[in-house]
PDB file of N, CA and C in Angstrom:
ATOM      1  N   TRP A   1       0.588  -1.445   0.266  1.00  0.00           N
ATOM      2  CA  TRP A   1      -0.043  -0.258  -0.044  1.00  0.00           C
ATOM      3  C   TRP A   1       0.893   1.389   0.017  1.00  0.00           C
ATOM      4  N   THR A   2       0.554   2.386  -1.034  1.00  0.00           N
ATOM      5  CA  THR A   2       1.245   3.665  -0.868  1.00  0.00           C
ATOM      6  C   THR A   2       0.156   4.882  -0.552  1.00  0.00           C
ATOM      7  N   PRO A   3       1.018   5.812   0.022  1.00  0.00           N
ATOM      8  CA  PRO A   3      -0.354   6.853   0.066  1.00  0.00           C
ATOM      9  C   PRO A   3      -0.301   7.512  -1.271  1.00  0.00           C
ATOM     10  N   PRO A   4      -1.489   7.980  -1.259  1.00  0.00           N
ATOM     11  CA  PRO A   4      -1.445   8.731  -2.502  1.00  0.00           C
ATOM     12  C   PRO A   4      -0.827   9.859  -2.629  1.00  0.00           C
ATOM     13  N   GLN A   5      -0.855  10.708  -3.542  1.00  0.00           N
ATOM     14  CA  GLN A   5      -0.024  12.052  -3.787  1.00  0.00           C
ATOM     15  C   GLN A   5      -0.656  13.199  -2.962  1.00  0.00           C
ATOM     16  N   GLY A   6      -0.247  14.256  -2.402  1.00  0.00           N
ATOM     17  CA  GLY A   6      -0.929  15.865  -2.196  1.00  0.00           C
ATOM     18  C   GLY A   6      -2.069  15.909  -3.025  1.00  0.00           C
ATOM     19  N   GLY A   7      -2.914  16.585  -2.139  1.00  0.00           N
ATOM     20  CA  GLY A   7      -4.381  16.941  -2.744  1.00  0.00           C
ATOM     21  C   GLY A   7      -5.387  15.656  -3.223  1.00  0.00           C
ATOM     22  N   THR A   8      -4.764  14.530  -2.680  1.00  0.00           N
ATOM     23  CA  THR A   8      -5.680  13.618  -3.513  1.00  0.00           C
ATOM     24  C   THR A   8      -6.086  12.621  -2.039  1.00  0.00           C
ATOM     25  N   ILE A   9      -7.122  11.583  -2.098  1.00  0.00           N
ATOM     26  CA  ILE A   9      -7.383  11.156  -0.937  1.00  0.00           C
ATOM     27  C   ILE A   9      -7.575   9.326  -1.254  1.00  0.00           C
ATOM     28  N   LYS A  10      -7.042   8.162  -0.855  1.00  0.00           N
ATOM     29  CA  LYS A  10      -7.264   7.030  -0.882  1.00  0.00           C
ATOM     30  C   LYS A  10      -8.296   6.432  -0.452  1.00  0.00           C
ATOM     31  N   ILE A  11      -9.410   5.745  -0.550  1.00  0.00           N
ATOM     32  CA  ILE A  11      -9.806   5.332   0.384  1.00  0.00           C
ATOM     33  C   ILE A  11     -10.171   3.730  -0.135  1.00  0.00           C
ATOM     34  N   ASN A  12      -9.941   2.781   0.810  1.00  0.00           N
ATOM     35  CA  ASN A  12      -9.801   1.540   0.911  1.00  0.00           C
ATOM     36  C   ASN A  12     -11.206   0.936   1.161  1.00  0.00           C
ATOM     37  N   THR A  13     -12.138   0.012   0.134  1.00  0.00           N
ATOM     38  CA  THR A  13     -13.232  -0.668   0.566  1.00  0.00           C
ATOM     39  C   THR A  13     -13.294  -2.088   0.492  1.00  0.00           C
ATOM     40  N   ASP A  14     -14.213  -2.499   1.235  1.00  0.00           N
ATOM     41  CA  ASP A  14     -14.739  -3.751   1.263  1.00  0.00           C
ATOM     42  C   ASP A  14     -16.259  -4.181   1.616  1.00  0.00           C
ATOM     43  N   GLY A  15     -16.450  -5.293   1.053  1.00  0.00           N
ATOM     44  CA  GLY A  15     -18.046  -5.674   1.480  1.00  0.00           C
ATOM     45  C   GLY A  15     -18.026  -7.101   1.695  1.00  0.00           C
ATOM     46  N   SER A  16     -18.860  -7.661   2.573  1.00  0.00           N
ATOM     47  CA  SER A  16     -18.957  -9.281   2.818  1.00  0.00           C
ATOM     48  C   SER A  16     -20.731  -9.454   2.640  1.00  0.00           C
ATOM     49  N   VAL A  17     -20.482 -11.142   2.799  1.00  0.00           N
ATOM     50  CA  VAL A  17     -21.815 -11.240   3.222  1.00  0.00           C
ATOM     51  C   VAL A  17     -21.478 -12.907   3.536  1.00  0.00           C
ATOM     52  N   ILE A  18     -22.249 -13.276   4.708  1.00  0.00           N
ATOM     53  CA  ILE A  18     -21.914 -14.709   5.363  1.00  0.00           C
ATOM     54  C   ILE A  18     -23.847 -14.634   5.837  1.00  0.00           C
ATOM     55  N   GLY A  19     -23.756 -16.179   5.173  1.00  0.00           N
ATOM     56  CA  GLY A  19     -25.279 -16.452   5.940  1.00  0.00           C
ATOM     57  C   GLY A  19     -26.375 -15.362   5.667  1.00  0.00           C
ATOM     58  N   ASP A  20     -27.136 -14.865   5.906  1.00  0.00           N
ATOM     59  CA  ASP A  20     -28.083 -13.979   5.761  1.00  0.00           C
ATOM     60  C   ASP A  20     -27.708 -12.658   6.047  1.00  0.00           C
ATOM     61  N   ARG A  21     -26.406 -12.190   6.514  1.00  0.00           N
ATOM     62  CA  ARG A  21     -25.935 -10.815   6.607  1.00  0.00           C
ATOM     63  C   ARG A  21     -25.416 -10.118   6.047  1.00  0.00           C
ATOM     64  N   GLY A  22     -24.714  -8.988   5.579  1.00  0.00           N
ATOM     65  CA  GLY A  22     -24.331  -8.670   4.765  1.00  0.00           C
ATOM     66  C   GLY A  22     -23.566  -7.482   4.966  1.00  0.00           C
ATOM     67  N   GLY A  23     -22.437  -6.482   4.973  1.00  0.00           N
ATOM     68  CA  GLY A  23     -21.941  -5.534   5.673  1.00  0.00           C
ATOM     69  C   GLY A  23     -20.470  -5.005   4.548  1.00  0.00           C
ATOM     70  N   TYR A  24     -20.426  -3.651   4.741  1.00  0.00           N
ATOM     71  CA  TYR A  24     -19.125  -3.191   3.932  1.00  0.00           C
ATOM     72  C   TYR A  24     -18.692  -2.360   5.279  1.00  0.00           C
ATOM     73  N   GLY A  25     -17.364  -1.362   4.432  1.00  0.00           N
ATOM     74  CA  GLY A  25     -16.455  -0.692   5.378  1.00  0.00           C
ATOM     75  C   GLY A  25     -15.555   0.240   4.064  1.00  0.00           C
ATOM     76  N   GLY A  26     -15.211   1.022   4.957  1.00  0.00           N
ATOM     77  CA  GLY A  26     -13.790   1.745   4.399  1.00  0.00           C
ATOM     78  C   GLY A  26     -13.189   2.654   5.242  1.00  0.00           C
ATOM     79  N   ILE A  27     -11.827   2.934   4.972  1.00  0.00           N
ATOM     80  CA  ILE A  27     -11.368   3.671   5.238  1.00  0.00           C
ATOM     81  C   ILE A  27     -10.518   5.017   4.422  1.00  0.00           C
ATOM     82  N   ALA A  28     -10.263   6.114   4.586  1.00  0.00           N
ATOM     83  CA  ALA A  28     -10.025   6.769   3.705  1.00  0.00           C
ATOM     84  C   ALA A  28      -8.279   7.187   4.435  1.00  0.00           C
ATOM     85  N   ILE A  29      -7.512   7.928   4.102  1.00  0.00           N
ATOM     86  CA  ILE A  29      -6.289   8.193   3.941  1.00  0.00           C
ATOM     87  C   ILE A  29      -5.580   9.082   3.198  1.00  0.00           C
ATOM     88  N   ASP A  30      -4.981  10.390   3.680  1.00  0.00           N
ATOM     89  CA  ASP A  30      -4.317  11.408   3.028  1.00  0.00           C
ATOM     90  C   ASP A  30      -3.005  11.501   2.390  1.00  0.00           C
ATOM     91  N   SER A  31      -2.044  12.352   2.329  1.00  0.00           N
ATOM     92  CA  SER A  31      -1.247  11.769   1.387  1.00  0.00           C
ATOM     93  C   SER A  31       0.117  11.564   2.673  1.00  0.00           C
ATOM     94  N   ARG A  32      -0.305  11.768   3.931  1.00  0.00           N
ATOM     95  CA  ARG A  32       0.924  11.542   4.914  1.00  0.00           C
ATOM     96  C   ARG A  32       0.295  10.305   5.331  1.00  0.00           C
ATOM     97  N   SER A  33      -0.191   9.280   4.813  1.00  0.00           N
ATOM     98  CA  SER A  33      -1.170   8.501   5.990  1.00  0.00           C
ATOM     99  C   SER A  33      -1.605   8.254   6.782  1.00  0.00           C
ATOM    100  N   GLN A  34      -2.441   9.991   7.221  1.00  0.00           N
ATOM    101  CA  GLN A  34      -3.257  10.022   8.082  1.00  0.00           C
ATOM    102  C   GLN A  34      -4.796   9.606   7.661  1.00  0.00           C
ATOM    103  N   CYS A  35      -5.891   8.923   8.601  1.00  0.00           N
ATOM    104  CA  CYS A  35      -6.708   8.403   8.672  1.00  0.00           C
ATOM    105  C   CYS A  35      -7.843   9.527   8.799  1.00  0.00           C
ATOM    106  N   LEU A  36      -8.764  10.149   7.433  1.00  0.00           N
ATOM    107  CA  LEU A  36      -9.426  11.165   7.557  1.00  0.00           C
ATOM    108  C   LEU A  36     -10.796  10.810   7.543  1.00  0.00           C
ATOM    109  N   PHE A  37     -11.556   9.619   7.742  1.00  0.00           N
ATOM    110  CA  PHE A  37     -12.257   9.101   8.128  1.00  0.00           C
ATOM    111  C   PHE A  37     -12.418   7.414   7.967  1.00  0.00           C
ATOM    112  N   SER A  38     -13.078   6.447   8.566  1.00  0.00           N
ATOM    113  CA  SER A  38     -13.518   5.257   8.565  1.00  0.00           C
ATOM    114  C   SER A  38     -14.872   5.015   8.579  1.00  0.00           C
ATOM    115  N   TYR A  39     -15.770   4.304   7.698  1.00  0.00           N
ATOM    116  CA  TYR A  39     -16.934   4.148   8.160  1.00  0.00           C
ATOM    117  C   TYR A  39     -17.236   2.371   7.790  1.00  0.00           C
ATOM    118  N   SER A  40     -18.730   1.834   8.514  1.00  0.00           N
ATOM    119  CA  SER A  40     -19.003   0.658   8.396  1.00  0.00           C
ATOM    120  C   SER A  40     -20.578   0.478   8.271  1.00  0.00           C
ATOM    121  N   GLY A  41     -21.039  -0.208   7.900  1.00  0.00           N
ATOM    122  CA  GLY A  41     -22.463  -0.799   8.012  1.00  0.00           C
ATOM    123  C   GLY A  41     -22.895  -1.933   7.581  1.00  0.00           C
ATOM    124  N   LYS A  42     -23.939  -2.221   7.708  1.00  0.00           N
ATOM    125  CA  LYS A  42     -24.608  -3.744   7.724  1.00  0.00           C
ATOM    126  C   LYS A  42     -25.771  -3.572   6.945  1.00  0.00           C
ATOM    127  N   GLY A  43     -26.352  -4.884   6.523  1.00  0.00           N
ATOM    128  CA  GLY A  43     -27.573  -4.821   5.881  1.00  0.00           C
ATOM    129  C   GLY A  43     -27.847  -6.390   5.901  1.00  0.00           C
ATOM    130  N   ASP A  44     -29.023  -6.718   4.963  1.00  0.00           N
ATOM    131  CA  ASP A  44     -29.254  -7.772   4.152  1.00  0.00           C
ATOM    132  C   ASP A  44     -28.596  -8.432   3.466  1.00  0.00           C
ATOM    133  N   ALA A  45     -28.758  -9.727   3.178  1.00  0.00           N
ATOM    134  CA  ALA A  45     -27.900 -10.590   2.763  1.00  0.00           C
ATOM    135  C   ALA A  45     -28.112 -10.230   0.716  1.00  0.00           C
ATOM    136  N   HIS A  46     -27.904  -8.790   0.681  1.00  0.00           N
ATOM    137  CA  HIS A  46     -27.825  -8.830  -0.727  1.00  0.00           C
ATOM    138  C   HIS A  46     -26.588  -9.680  -1.892  1.00  0.00           C
ATOM    139  N   PRO A  47     -26.709  -9.644  -3.012  1.00  0.00           N
ATOM    140  CA  PRO A  47     -25.391 -10.325  -3.510  1.00  0.00           C
ATOM    141  C   PRO A  47     -24.132  -9.432  -2.783  1.00  0.00           C
ATOM    142  N   VAL A  48     -22.945 -10.220  -2.508  1.00  0.00           N
ATOM    143  CA  VAL A  48     -21.453  -9.429  -1.809  1.00  0.00           C
ATOM    144  C   VAL A  48     -21.429  -8.203  -3.097  1.00  0.00           C
ATOM    145  N   THR A  49     -21.445  -7.980  -4.161  1.00  0.00           N
ATOM    146  CA  THR A  49     -21.532  -6.943  -5.515  1.00  0.00           C
ATOM    147  C   THR A  49     -22.466  -5.552  -4.747  1.00  0.00           C
ATOM    148  N   TYR A  50     -23.430  -6.023  -4.182  1.00  0.00           N
ATOM    149  CA  TYR A  50     -24.032  -4.651  -3.781  1.00  0.00           C
ATOM    150  C   TYR A  50     -23.573  -4.548  -2.482  1.00  0.00           C
ATOM    151  N   GLN A  51     -22.768  -5.262  -1.602  1.00  0.00           N
ATOM    152  CA  GLN A  51     -22.116  -4.466  -0.367  1.00  0.00           C
ATOM    153  C   GLN A  51     -20.793  -4.135  -1.065  1.00  0.00           C
ATOM    154  N   GLU A  52     -20.221  -4.453  -1.922  1.00  0.00           N
ATOM    155  CA  GLU A  52     -19.257  -3.521  -2.657  1.00  0.00           C
ATOM    156  C   GLU A  52     -19.599  -1.947  -3.160  1.00  0.00           C
ATOM    157  N   MET A  53     -20.631  -2.500  -3.936  1.00  0.00           N
ATOM    158  CA  MET A  53     -21.118  -0.964  -4.139  1.00  0.00           C
ATOM    159  C   MET A  53     -21.164  -0.344  -3.017  1.00  0.00           C
ATOM    160  N   PHE A  54     -22.005  -0.721  -1.860  1.00  0.00           N
ATOM    161  CA  PHE A  54     -22.474   0.657  -1.003  1.00  0.00           C
ATOM    162  C   PHE A  54     -21.294   0.850  -0.458  1.00  0.00           C
ATOM    163  N   ALA A  55     -20.364   0.308  -0.493  1.00  0.00           N
ATOM    164  CA  ALA A  55     -19.115   0.571   0.380  1.00  0.00           C
ATOM    165  C   ALA A  55     -18.367   2.090  -0.460  1.00  0.00           C
ATOM    166  N   ILE A  56     -17.989   1.468  -1.981  1.00  0.00           N
ATOM    167  CA  ILE A  56     -17.456   2.462  -2.553  1.00  0.00           C
ATOM    168  C   ILE A  56     -18.407   3.909  -2.538  1.00  0.00           C
ATOM    169  N   LYS A  57     -19.598   3.958  -2.856  1.00  0.00           N
ATOM    170  CA  LYS A  57     -20.451   5.019  -3.022  1.00  0.00           C
ATOM    171  C   LYS A  57     -20.716   5.848  -1.442  1.00  0.00           C
ATOM    172  N   ARG A  58     -20.466   4.749  -0.361  1.00  0.00           N
ATOM    173  CA  ARG A  58     -20.757   5.738   0.930  1.00  0.00           C
ATOM    174  C   ARG A  58     -19.144   6.569   1.040  1.00  0.00           C
ATOM    175  N   GLY A  59     -18.254   5.951   0.532  1.00  0.00           N
ATOM    176  CA  GLY A  59     -16.545   6.614   0.736  1.00  0.00           C
ATOM    177  C   GLY A  59     -17.135   7.870  -0.241  1.00  0.00           C
ATOM    178  N   LEU A  60     -17.325   7.655  -1.049  1.00  0.00           N
ATOM    179  CA  LEU A  60     -17.112   8.562  -2.190  1.00  0.00           C
ATOM    180  C   LEU A  60     -18.520   9.773  -1.614  1.00  0.00           C
ATOM    181  N   GLU A  61     -19.628   9.480  -1.277  1.00  0.00           N
ATOM    182  CA  GLU A  61     -20.426  10.665  -0.631  1.00  0.00           C
ATOM    183  C   GLU A  61     -19.450  11.070   0.293  1.00  0.00           C
ATOM    184  N   LEU A  62     -18.826  10.628   1.760  1.00  0.00           N
ATOM    185  CA  LEU A  62     -18.063  11.046   2.688  1.00  0.00           C
ATOM    186  C   LEU A  62     -17.214  12.362   1.949  1.00  0.00           C
ATOM    187  N   GLY A  63     -16.413  11.800   1.257  1.00  0.00           N
ATOM    188  CA  GLY A  63     -14.998  12.214   0.829  1.00  0.00           C
ATOM    189  C   GLY A  63     -15.699  14.084   0.128  1.00  0.00           C
ATOM    190  N   LEU A  64     -17.192  13.520  -0.630  1.00  0.00           N
ATOM    191  CA  LEU A  64     -17.583  14.814  -1.556  1.00  0.00           C
ATOM    192  C   LEU A  64     -18.072  15.920  -0.196  1.00  0.00           C
ATOM    193  N   GLU A  65     -18.417  15.012   0.713  1.00  0.00           N
ATOM    194  CA  GLU A  65     -18.979  15.976   2.031  1.00  0.00           C
ATOM    195  C   GLU A  65     -18.037  17.126   2.938  1.00  0.00           C
ATOM    196  N   ARG A  66     -16.751  16.462   2.428  1.00  0.00           N
ATOM    197  CA  ARG A  66     -15.433  16.991   3.417  1.00  0.00           C
ATOM    198  C   ARG A  66     -14.741  17.667   1.947  1.00  0.00           C
ATOM    199  N   GLY A  67     -15.669  18.171   1.100  1.00  0.00           N
ATOM    200  CA  GLY A  67     -14.950  19.045   0.263  1.00  0.00           C
ATOM    201  C   GLY A  67     -13.451  17.883  -0.611  1.00  0.00           C
ATOM    202  N   VAL A  68     -13.492  17.050  -0.273  1.00  0.00           N
ATOM    203  CA  VAL A  68     -12.587  16.420  -1.500  1.00  0.00           C
ATOM    204  C   VAL A  68     -13.054  16.123  -2.925  1.00  0.00           C
ATOM    205  N   GLU A  69     -11.915  16.493  -4.174  1.00  0.00           N
ATOM    206  CA  GLU A  69     -12.146  17.006  -5.274  1.00  0.00           C
ATOM    207  C   GLU A  69     -11.105  15.383  -6.145  1.00  0.00           C
ATOM    208  N   LYS A  70     -10.642  15.191  -5.236  1.00  0.00           N
ATOM    209  CA  LYS A  70      -9.270  13.760  -5.858  1.00  0.00           C
ATOM    210  C   LYS A  70      -9.417  12.552  -4.905  1.00  0.00           C
ATOM    211  N   VAL A  71     -10.180  11.692  -5.765  1.00  0.00           N
ATOM    212  CA  VAL A  71     -10.067  10.249  -4.776  1.00  0.00           C
ATOM    213  C   VAL A  71      -9.540   9.196  -5.669  1.00  0.00           C
ATOM    214  N   ILE A  72      -8.709   8.159  -4.837  1.00  0.00           N
ATOM    215  CA  ILE A  72      -8.457   6.876  -5.521  1.00  0.00           C
ATOM    216  C   ILE A  72      -8.959   6.055  -4.481  1.00  0.00           C
ATOM    217  N   CYS A  73      -9.975   5.015  -5.051  1.00  0.00           N
ATOM    218  CA  CYS A  73     -10.452   4.118  -4.908  1.00  0.00           C
ATOM    219  C   CYS A  73      -9.915   3.137  -4.561  1.00  0.00           C
ATOM    220  N   GLU A  74      -9.752   2.362  -3.530  1.00  0.00           N
ATOM    221  CA  GLU A  74      -9.234   0.911  -4.148  1.00  0.00           C
ATOM    222  C   GLU A  74     -10.096  -0.496  -3.900  1.00  0.00           C
ATOM    223  N   THR A  75     -10.442  -1.381  -4.472  1.00  0.00           N
ATOM    224  CA  THR A  75     -11.552  -2.246  -3.993  1.00  0.00           C
ATOM    225  C   THR A  75     -10.523  -3.426  -4.336  1.00  0.00           C
ATOM    226  N   ASP A  76     -11.279  -4.807  -3.697  1.00  0.00           N
ATOM    227  CA  ASP A  76     -10.840  -6.282  -4.281  1.00  0.00           C
ATOM    228  C   ASP A  76     -12.083  -6.735  -4.933  1.00  0.00           C
ATOM    229  N   SER A  77     -12.908  -5.869  -5.510  1.00  0.00           N
ATOM    230  CA  SER A  77     -14.141  -6.622  -5.987  1.00  0.00           C
ATOM    231  C   SER A  77     -13.624  -6.113  -8.090  1.00  0.00           C
ATOM    232  N   MET A  78     -13.436  -7.026  -8.713  1.00  0.00           N
ATOM    233  CA  MET A  78     -12.817  -7.081  -9.826  1.00  0.00           C
ATOM    234  C   MET A  78     -14.394  -6.671 -10.726  1.00  0.00           C
ATOM    235  N   GLN A  79     -15.203  -6.923 -10.638  1.00  0.00           N
ATOM    236  CA  GLN A  79     -16.757  -6.649 -10.301  1.00  0.00           C
ATOM    237  C   GLN A  79     -16.967  -5.424 -11.052  1.00  0.00           C
ATOM    238  N   MET A  80     -16.539  -4.721  -9.403  1.00  0.00           N
ATOM    239  CA  MET A  80     -16.954  -3.255  -9.127  1.00  0.00           C
ATOM    240  C   MET A  80     -16.410  -2.352 -10.054  1.00  0.00           C
ATOM    241  N   LEU A  81     -15.184  -2.758 -10.254  1.00  0.00           N
ATOM    242  CA  LEU A  81     -13.858  -2.199 -11.029  1.00  0.00           C
ATOM    243  C   LEU A  81     -14.014  -1.903 -12.227  1.00  0.00           C
ATOM    244  N   ALA A  82     -14.504  -3.367 -12.688  1.00  0.00           N
ATOM    245  CA  ALA A  82     -14.606  -3.418 -14.118  1.00  0.00           C
ATOM    246  C   ALA A  82     -16.262  -2.973 -14.625  1.00  0.00           C
ATOM    247  N   TYR A  83     -17.247  -2.165 -13.748  1.00  0.00           N
ATOM    248  CA  TYR A  83     -18.623  -1.245 -13.858  1.00  0.00           C
ATOM    249  C   TYR A  83     -17.956  -0.055 -13.744  1.00  0.00           C
ATOM    250  N   ILE A  84     -16.997   0.301 -12.801  1.00  0.00           N
ATOM    251  CA  ILE A  84     -16.302   1.589 -12.842  1.00  0.00           C
ATOM    252  C   ILE A  84     -15.351   2.103 -14.055  1.00  0.00           C
ATOM    253  N   ARG A  85     -14.594   0.912 -14.232  1.00  0.00           N
ATOM    254  CA  ARG A  85     -13.461   1.738 -15.333  1.00  0.00           C
ATOM    255  C   ARG A  85     -14.026   1.614 -16.350  1.00  0.00           C
ATOM    256  N   ASP A  86     -15.196   0.925 -17.387  1.00  0.00           N
ATOM    257  CA  ASP A  86     -15.535   0.677 -18.466  1.00  0.00           C
ATOM    258  C   ASP A  86     -16.726   1.775 -18.460  1.00  0.00           C
ATOM    259  N   ASN A  87     -17.343   2.233 -17.123  1.00  0.00           N
ATOM    260  CA  ASN A  87     -18.477   3.113 -17.064  1.00  0.00           C
ATOM    261  C   ASN A  87     -20.040   1.800 -17.478  1.00  0.00           C
ATOM    262  N   LYS A  88     -19.434   0.654 -17.313  1.00  0.00           N
ATOM    263  CA  LYS A  88     -20.713   0.359 -17.380  1.00  0.00           C
ATOM    264  C   LYS A  88     -21.891   0.410 -16.341  1.00  0.00           C
ATOM    265  N   THR A  89     -23.229  -0.154 -16.702  1.00  0.00           N
ATOM    266  CA  THR A  89     -24.041  -0.275 -15.827  1.00  0.00           C
ATOM    267  C   THR A  89     -24.362  -1.596 -15.085  1.00  0.00           C
ATOM    268  N   PRO A  90     -24.239  -1.987 -13.578  1.00  0.00           N
ATOM    269  CA  PRO A  90     -24.069  -3.374 -13.499  1.00  0.00           C
ATOM    270  C   PRO A  90     -25.838  -4.363 -13.584  1.00  0.00           C
ATOM    271  N   PRO A  91     -25.402  -4.876 -13.574  1.00  0.00           N
ATOM    272  CA  PRO A  91     -26.982  -5.842 -13.945  1.00  0.00           C
ATOM    273  C   PRO A  91     -27.774  -5.158 -13.164  1.00  0.00           C
ATOM    274  N   LEU A  92     -29.117  -5.078 -13.796  1.00  0.00           N
ATOM    275  CA  LEU A  92     -30.102  -4.956 -13.457  1.00  0.00           C
ATOM    276  C   LEU A  92     -31.070  -5.589 -11.876  1.00  0.00           C
ATOM    277  N   ARG A  93     -30.597  -6.735 -11.576  1.00  0.00           N
ATOM    278  CA  ARG A  93     -31.004  -7.371 -10.541  1.00  0.00           C
ATOM    279  C   ARG A  93     -29.858  -6.554  -9.353  1.00  0.00           C
ATOM    280  N   LEU A  94     -29.181  -6.282  -9.467  1.00  0.00           N
ATOM    281  CA  LEU A  94     -28.187  -5.475  -8.631  1.00  0.00           C
ATOM    282  C   LEU A  94     -29.020  -3.955  -8.478  1.00  0.00           C
ATOM    283  N   LEU A  95     -29.133  -3.552  -9.783  1.00  0.00           N
ATOM    284  CA  LEU A  95     -30.060  -1.858  -9.712  1.00  0.00           C
ATOM    285  C   LEU A  95     -31.116  -1.818  -8.699  1.00  0.00           C
ATOM    286  N   TYR A  96     -31.725  -3.177  -8.686  1.00  0.00           N
ATOM    287  CA  TYR A  96     -33.430  -2.991  -8.325  1.00  0.00           C
ATOM    288  C   TYR A  96     -33.085  -3.530  -6.472  1.00  0.00           C
ATOM    289  N   SER A  97     -32.278  -4.373  -6.390  1.00  0.00           N
ATOM    290  CA  SER A  97     -31.748  -4.838  -5.219  1.00  0.00           C
ATOM    291  C   SER A  97     -31.580  -3.081  -4.405  1.00  0.00           C
ATOM    292  N   SER A  98     -31.043  -2.546  -5.166  1.00  0.00           N
ATOM    293  CA  SER A  98     -30.051  -1.289  -4.422  1.00  0.00           C
ATOM    294  C   SER A  98     -30.662   0.032  -4.856  1.00  0.00           C
ATOM    295  N   SER A  99     -31.890   0.207  -5.755  1.00  0.00           N
ATOM    296  CA  SER A  99     -32.472   1.484  -6.392  1.00  0.00           C
ATOM    297  C   SER A  99     -31.608   2.768  -5.203  1.00  0.00           C
ATOM    298  N   ASP A 100     -31.650   2.463  -3.961  1.00  0.00           N
ATOM    299  CA  ASP A 100     -31.288   4.391  -3.429  1.00  0.00           C
ATOM    300  C   ASP A 100     -30.037   4.220  -3.447  1.00  0.00           C
ATOM    301  N   HIS A 101     -29.056   3.257  -3.769  1.00  0.00           N
ATOM    302  CA  HIS A 101     -27.834   3.079  -3.338  1.00  0.00           C
ATOM    303  C   HIS A 101     -26.934   3.086  -4.606  1.00  0.00           C
ATOM    304  N   SER A 102     -27.111   3.271  -5.769  1.00  0.00           N
ATOM    305  CA  SER A 102     -26.180   3.311  -7.129  1.00  0.00           C
ATOM    306  C   SER A 102     -25.400   4.559  -7.058  1.00  0.00           C
ATOM    307  N   ILE A 103     -23.944   3.843  -6.830  1.00  0.00           N
ATOM    308  CA  ILE A 103     -22.785   4.615  -7.548  1.00  0.00           C
ATOM    309  C   ILE A 103     -22.956   5.563  -8.233  1.00  0.00           C
ATOM    310  N   PHE A 104     -23.359   5.379  -9.482  1.00  0.00           N
ATOM    311  CA  PHE A 104     -23.500   5.832 -10.727  1.00  0.00           C
ATOM    312  C   PHE A 104     -24.370   7.383 -10.768  1.00  0.00           C
ATOM    313  N   ASP A 105     -24.937   7.197  -9.312  1.00  0.00           N
ATOM    314  CA  ASP A 105     -25.551   8.914  -8.984  1.00  0.00           C
ATOM    315  C   ASP A 105     -24.556   9.513  -8.772  1.00  0.00           C
ATOM    316  N   ILE A 106     -23.362   9.511  -8.196  1.00  0.00           N
ATOM    317  CA  ILE A 106     -21.852   9.925  -8.075  1.00  0.00           C
ATOM    318  C   ILE A 106     -21.597  10.294  -9.052  1.00  0.00           C
TER     319      ILE A 106
END
């Protein structure tokens, strides 16, 4: 792990599902490796991609609330990375299960 360049924050996120419970979380670090904020949440056992999407979205929202303009987001979800990188919409089943939480709103 390397810190971001000055003026940029790095948000590291993760989501998981175990049984009938799901959760997500993240941490934001600045160029001095200082924690700016962290967050977590829990929810129903939606697909793990939903948890990953909500973790990224929440991190971006918290960054925007703090006036952050440049963000690097790290995730272990290859599926979410592909959606964001290729500017593709997730499958409809994912969007419908999380209609109030779409990362593409940001």
